[in-house]
Amino acid sequence: MDIDVQKVAMLARIRLIDEEATELAPQLSSILAYVDQLAAVDTEGVTPTAHPHDAAMPLRAN
């Protein structure tokens, strides 16, 4: 798992020491398990949205 943590750190452009990678490994596993749970949810017929709230963003004057 340390290799996965180091690869994610490289992709995120952050530097981790070995102790940090060891500490973050269980957290990364937890996040990936949650993503797997989300992927298993049946979203058939659910309309995709860009934002969870129907709120218009105000535009500033030019």
Protein backbone atom coordinates (compact mmCIF):
# COMPACT_ATOMS: atom_id res chain seq x y z
CA MET A 1 0.00 0.00 0.00
CA ASP A 2 2.94 2.37 0.57
CA ILE A 3 3.62 2.29 -3.16
CA ASP A 4 0.01 3.39 -3.81
CA VAL A 5 0.30 6.22 -1.30
CA GLN A 6 3.57 7.38 -2.83
CA LYS A 7 2.03 7.23 -6.32
CA VAL A 8 -0.99 9.30 -5.22
CA ALA A 9 1.35 11.75 -3.52
CA MET A 10 3.39 12.06 -6.72
CA LEU A 11 0.24 12.65 -8.79
CA ALA A 12 -0.90 15.29 -6.29
CA ARG A 13 2.56 16.86 -6.40
CA ILE A 14 3.13 16.51 -2.66
CA ARG A 15 6.19 15.13 -0.93
CA LEU A 16 5.71 12.58 1.85
CA ILE A 17 8.23 11.02 4.15
CA ASP A 18 7.88 7.29 4.82
CA GLU A 19 6.21 7.83 8.20
CA GLU A 20 3.55 10.04 6.61
CA ALA A 21 2.91 7.51 3.85
CA THR A 22 2.50 4.75 6.45
CA GLU A 23 0.05 6.91 8.40
CA LEU A 24 -1.95 7.83 5.30
CA ALA A 25 -2.24 4.29 3.89
CA PRO A 26 -5.25 3.29 6.05
CA GLN A 27 -6.97 6.59 5.26
CA LEU A 28 -6.46 6.04 1.54
CA SER A 29 -7.88 2.52 1.88
CA SER A 30 -10.91 3.94 3.66
CA ILE A 31 -11.47 6.54 0.95
CA LEU A 32 -11.19 3.94 -1.81
CA ALA A 33 -13.63 1.64 0.01
CA TYR A 34 -16.12 4.52 0.18
CA VAL A 35 -15.68 5.20 -3.54
CA ASP A 36 -16.44 1.52 -4.17
CA GLN A 37 -19.65 1.89 -2.13
CA LEU A 38 -20.65 4.93 -4.17
CA ALA A 39 -19.95 3.09 -7.43
CA ALA A 40 -22.33 0.33 -6.34
CA VAL A 41 -25.28 2.74 -5.95
CA ASP A 42 -27.93 2.37 -8.65
CA THR A 43 -28.25 5.77 -10.33
CA GLU A 44 -30.38 4.62 -13.25
CA GLY A 45 -32.86 7.35 -14.11
CA VAL A 46 -31.20 10.01 -11.94
CA THR A 47 -30.59 13.23 -13.83
CA PRO A 48 -26.99 14.44 -13.55
CA THR A 49 -26.57 17.82 -11.91
CA ALA A 50 -23.71 20.27 -11.80
CA HIS A 51 -24.51 21.46 -8.29
CA PRO A 52 -26.59 20.00 -5.45
CA HIS A 53 -28.54 23.25 -5.00
CA ASP A 54 -30.70 25.13 -7.51
CA ALA A 55 -29.09 28.48 -6.86
CA ALA A 56 -28.02 30.97 -9.48
CA MET A 57 -24.67 32.59 -9.00
CA PRO A 58 -24.95 36.39 -9.07
CA LEU A 59 -22.88 38.12 -11.70
CA ARG A 60 -20.97 41.24 -10.91
CA ALA A 61 -21.49 44.41 -12.92
CA ASN A 62 -19.03 45.05 -15.75
